[in-house]
Amino acid sequence: MIIATVCARGGSTGLPGKNIKMLCGKPLIAHTIEQALSCSIIDEVYISTDCNEIADVAKQFGAQVPFIRPASLATSEAGKIPVIQHLSDHLLSIGLDHETIIDLDPTSPLRERSDIEACANILDESCDVVLTGCPSSKNPYFNMIEEKEDGYFGLVIPGHSSVVSRQVAPPMYDMNGSVYVWHRKSLKKGLWGGKAKFYNMPRERSVDIDSELDFKLVEMLMRERTGK
């Protein structure tokens, strides 16, 4: 059994109420729920939220909300993996076995169904997790800098005189948080405790909404895509 999880906290400092903010005619979270439900490889879609309003919207669009997330897992410091593990453990406790977990971030609605399916197809017994990202606009070998111990600034990875442009620097990627796929048995390893594979998404499908500016950009791109 393959399940999709969507973790949607009620509190947001960057953009309050973003998970149910209306985007192109429907609540933000609804776009991700509909994507998941449209994937034939996904058997069930489950929401973990601490917010009754988000829960009601999620149910309205066809997702299942088995509980309201405990407050200890609903702080801004709470990591996503413990939240997914909590949901997975609950499902197992009520007899709903599942071998694969596809986590979809509700703030990344520009992904396509093909992205979800491609990530699921990449996961095999040679790896523990598949994660998504896009080519980075900055590169630590060329134009990403940090403050050094002496108080002056320099490249994050210095000493490579042959790197004279971004094009010849080793390729780097930004994680976009859009899709994660785990074997249930490897979820406890997190992202970096096992072997990770990567799925490269284009930048125009990799915008993560964390601010009003992000929201406006996603809205513009989505309207261009749909012609509405």
Protein backbone atom coordinates (compact mmCIF):
# COMPACT_ATOMS: atom_id res chain seq x y z
CA MET A 1 0.00 0.00 0.00
CA ILE A 2 1.24 3.48 -0.91
CA ILE A 3 0.00 6.43 1.10
CA ALA A 4 0.42 10.16 0.60
CA THR A 5 0.94 12.36 3.62
CA VAL A 6 0.34 16.10 3.72
CA CYS A 7 1.60 17.95 6.80
CA ALA A 8 -0.22 21.25 7.29
CA ARG A 9 0.31 23.26 10.45
CA GLY A 10 -2.18 25.96 11.40
CA GLY A 11 0.41 28.51 12.47
CA SER A 12 2.62 30.32 9.98
CA THR A 13 4.75 33.35 10.72
CA GLY A 14 5.69 34.09 7.11
CA LEU A 15 2.15 34.03 5.71
CA PRO A 16 -0.59 33.48 8.32
CA GLY A 17 -3.28 30.99 7.29
CA LYS A 18 -1.42 30.10 4.10
CA ASN A 19 -2.50 26.45 3.91
CA ILE A 20 -6.13 27.44 3.35
CA LYS A 21 -5.55 30.79 1.65
CA MET A 22 -7.45 30.88 -1.63
CA LEU A 23 -5.24 30.23 -4.66
CA CYS A 24 -6.83 30.35 -8.12
CA GLY A 25 -10.26 29.54 -6.78
CA LYS A 26 -9.52 26.93 -4.13
CA PRO A 27 -7.66 26.65 -0.81
CA LEU A 28 -3.91 26.16 -1.18
CA ILE A 29 -3.93 22.70 0.40
CA ALA A 30 -6.64 21.55 -2.01
CA HIS A 31 -4.25 21.71 -4.96
CA THR A 32 -1.94 19.16 -3.33
CA ILE A 33 -4.79 16.93 -2.20
CA GLU A 34 -6.21 16.84 -5.72
CA GLN A 35 -2.78 16.04 -7.17
CA ALA A 36 -2.37 13.13 -4.77
CA LEU A 37 -5.86 11.78 -5.42
CA SER A 38 -5.23 11.92 -9.17
CA CYS A 39 -2.21 9.61 -8.87
CA SER A 40 -3.20 6.03 -9.56
CA ILE A 41 -0.21 4.75 -7.58
CA ILE A 42 -1.46 6.38 -4.35
CA ASP A 43 -4.01 4.38 -2.38
CA GLU A 44 -4.92 6.85 0.38
CA VAL A 45 -4.24 10.51 1.21
CA TYR A 46 -3.81 11.46 4.87
CA ILE A 47 -3.48 14.89 6.45
CA SER A 48 -1.65 15.67 9.67
CA THR A 49 -2.76 19.01 11.07
CA ASP A 50 -3.26 20.74 14.39
CA CYS A 51 -6.00 22.99 12.95
CA ASN A 52 -9.69 22.07 12.80
CA GLU A 53 -10.30 24.51 9.95
CA ILE A 54 -7.57 22.90 7.83
CA ALA A 55 -8.98 19.47 8.73
CA ASP A 56 -12.46 20.48 7.54
CA VAL A 57 -11.12 21.83 4.23
CA ALA A 58 -9.01 18.71 3.68
CA LYS A 59 -12.01 16.43 4.24
CA GLN A 60 -14.08 18.55 1.87
CA PHE A 61 -11.55 17.87 -0.90
CA GLY A 62 -11.39 14.12 -0.28
CA ALA A 63 -8.45 13.59 2.08
CA GLN A 64 -8.60 11.65 5.33
CA VAL A 65 -7.82 13.30 8.67
CA PRO A 66 -7.47 10.55 11.28
CA PHE A 67 -6.74 12.90 14.21
CA ILE A 68 -5.82 16.43 15.22
CA ARG A 69 -2.05 16.58 15.63
CA PRO A 70 -0.83 16.97 19.24
CA ALA A 71 0.50 20.39 20.22
CA SER A 72 3.99 18.99 20.82
CA LEU A 73 4.26 18.28 17.08
CA ALA A 74 2.69 21.56 15.98
CA THR A 75 5.35 24.09 16.97
CA SER A 76 7.48 25.98 14.46
CA GLU A 77 10.47 23.99 15.74
CA ALA A 78 8.87 20.58 15.17
CA GLY A 79 10.50 18.65 12.34
CA LYS A 80 8.51 17.13 9.50
CA ILE A 81 9.84 13.59 9.87
CA PRO A 82 8.58 13.09 13.46
CA VAL A 83 5.19 14.34 12.26
CA ILE A 84 5.13 11.81 9.42
CA GLN A 85 6.35 9.06 11.75
CA HIS A 86 3.55 9.91 14.20
CA LEU A 87 0.97 9.60 11.42
CA SER A 88 2.49 6.37 10.10
CA ASP A 89 2.57 4.83 13.57
CA HIS A 90 -1.07 5.76 14.11
CA LEU A 91 -2.14 4.14 10.86
CA LEU A 92 -0.26 0.98 11.74
CA SER A 93 -1.89 0.93 15.18
CA ILE A 94 -5.35 0.82 13.60
CA GLY A 95 -4.39 -1.87 11.12
CA LEU A 96 -3.62 0.21 8.04
CA ASP A 97 -0.37 -1.26 6.79
CA HIS A 98 1.66 0.65 4.19
CA GLU A 99 5.01 0.05 2.58
CA THR A 100 5.65 3.40 0.92
CA ILE A 101 5.11 6.97 2.10
CA ILE A 102 4.93 9.88 -0.34
CA ASP A 103 5.02 13.19 1.49
CA LEU A 104 3.74 16.21 -0.41
CA ASP A 105 4.25 19.75 0.85
CA PRO A 106 1.02 21.77 0.56
CA THR A 107 3.06 24.94 -0.07
CA SER A 108 4.47 23.53 -3.34
CA PRO A 109 1.38 23.39 -5.56
CA LEU A 110 3.25 23.88 -8.86
CA ARG A 111 4.51 20.29 -8.92
CA GLU A 112 2.84 18.04 -11.45
CA ARG A 113 1.47 14.54 -11.09
CA SER A 114 4.31 13.32 -13.27
CA ASP A 115 6.80 14.61 -10.65
CA ILE A 116 5.13 12.55 -7.93
CA GLU A 117 5.02 9.42 -10.07
CA ALA A 118 8.64 9.84 -11.20
CA CYS A 119 9.83 10.08 -7.59
CA ALA A 120 7.89 6.96 -6.65
CA ASN A 121 9.46 5.10 -9.57
CA ILE A 122 12.98 6.12 -8.51
CA LEU A 123 12.58 4.60 -5.04
CA ASP A 124 13.88 1.04 -4.96
CA GLU A 125 15.70 -1.27 -2.57
CA SER A 126 19.03 0.42 -3.34
CA CYS A 127 18.00 3.62 -1.55
CA ASP A 128 16.03 4.79 1.49
CA VAL A 129 14.51 8.06 0.31
CA VAL A 130 13.94 10.11 -2.82
CA LEU A 131 13.91 13.90 -2.51
CA THR A 132 13.33 16.73 -4.94
CA GLY A 133 15.08 19.97 -5.84
CA CYS A 134 16.12 22.24 -8.66
CA PRO A 135 19.39 23.69 -9.96
CA SER A 136 20.73 26.27 -7.51
CA SER A 137 21.06 29.88 -8.62
CA LYS A 138 24.12 30.29 -6.37
CA ASN A 139 27.14 28.03 -6.12
CA PRO A 140 29.49 27.66 -3.10
CA TYR A 141 32.46 27.18 -5.46
CA PHE A 142 31.79 30.46 -7.29
CA ASN A 143 29.34 33.01 -5.84
CA MET A 144 28.09 31.78 -2.45
CA ILE A 145 29.99 33.47 0.38
CA GLU A 146 30.16 33.29 4.16
CA GLU A 147 31.83 35.11 7.03
CA LYS A 148 35.09 33.43 8.01
CA GLU A 149 36.67 33.15 11.46
CA ASP A 150 38.74 36.30 10.90
CA GLY A 151 35.60 38.35 10.26
CA TYR A 152 36.21 38.74 6.53
CA PHE A 153 34.10 37.15 3.80
CA GLY A 154 35.03 34.53 1.26
CA LEU A 155 33.69 31.67 -0.83
CA VAL A 156 32.00 28.85 1.06
CA ILE A 157 34.26 26.37 -0.79
CA PRO A 158 37.45 28.26 -1.70
CA GLY A 159 40.63 27.25 -3.44
CA HIS A 160 39.38 26.13 -6.84
CA SER A 161 41.09 28.53 -9.24
CA SER A 162 39.68 26.73 -12.28
CA VAL A 163 36.14 27.78 -11.32
CA VAL A 164 35.89 31.12 -13.10
CA SER A 165 32.16 31.05 -13.85
CA ARG A 166 29.01 29.43 -12.54
CA GLN A 167 28.81 27.30 -15.67
CA VAL A 168 32.06 25.46 -14.91
CA ALA A 169 31.42 25.05 -11.17
CA PRO A 170 30.28 21.63 -9.96
CA PRO A 171 26.47 21.42 -10.24
CA MET A 172 24.58 22.28 -7.05
CA TYR A 173 20.91 21.95 -6.23
CA ASP A 174 18.38 23.58 -3.93
CA MET A 175 16.08 21.20 -2.09
CA ASN A 176 12.55 22.36 -2.82
CA GLY A 177 10.71 20.18 -0.30
CA SER A 178 8.02 19.38 -2.87
CA VAL A 179 8.08 15.56 -2.78
CA TYR A 180 9.70 13.03 -0.46
CA VAL A 181 9.31 9.28 -0.92
CA TRP A 182 10.32 6.79 1.77
CA HIS A 183 10.06 3.09 2.35
CA ARG A 184 8.16 2.94 5.64
CA LYS A 185 10.96 0.83 7.06
CA SER A 186 13.51 3.55 6.28
CA LEU A 187 11.52 6.57 7.48
CA LYS A 188 13.29 6.40 10.84
CA LYS A 189 16.57 7.12 9.05
CA GLY A 190 15.29 10.54 8.07
CA LEU A 191 16.89 12.26 5.09
CA TRP A 192 20.58 11.72 5.66
CA GLY A 193 20.76 8.60 7.82
CA GLY A 194 20.48 6.33 4.79
CA LYS A 195 20.94 6.49 1.03
CA ALA A 196 19.16 9.30 -0.80
CA LYS A 197 18.34 9.63 -4.49
CA PHE A 198 17.40 12.89 -6.17
CA TYR A 199 14.76 14.02 -8.66
CA ASN A 200 15.53 17.25 -10.51
CA MET A 201 12.54 19.55 -11.03
CA PRO A 202 12.54 22.74 -13.10
CA ARG A 203 12.66 26.00 -11.17
CA GLU A 204 9.19 27.03 -12.38
CA ARG A 205 7.70 24.05 -10.54
CA SER A 206 9.88 24.44 -7.45
CA VAL A 207 8.53 27.59 -5.78
CA ASP A 208 7.73 26.98 -2.10
CA ILE A 209 5.26 29.43 -0.55
CA ASP A 210 6.65 31.00 2.61
CA SER A 211 5.69 34.65 2.10
CA GLU A 212 3.18 36.89 0.38
CA LEU A 213 5.66 37.42 -2.45
CA ASP A 214 5.99 33.65 -2.96
CA PHE A 215 2.21 33.36 -3.01
CA LYS A 216 1.87 36.05 -5.68
CA LEU A 217 4.56 34.38 -7.80
CA VAL A 218 2.88 30.96 -7.56
CA GLU A 219 -0.49 32.52 -8.39
CA MET A 220 0.97 34.19 -11.49
CA LEU A 221 2.68 30.98 -12.66
CA MET A 222 -0.45 28.92 -12.03
CA ARG A 223 -2.62 31.34 -14.00
CA GLU A 224 -0.14 31.22 -16.89
CA ARG A 225 -0.29 27.43 -16.81
CA THR A 226 -4.07 27.18 -16.71
CA GLY A 227 -4.85 30.24 -18.84
CA LYS A 228 -7.29 31.51 -16.21
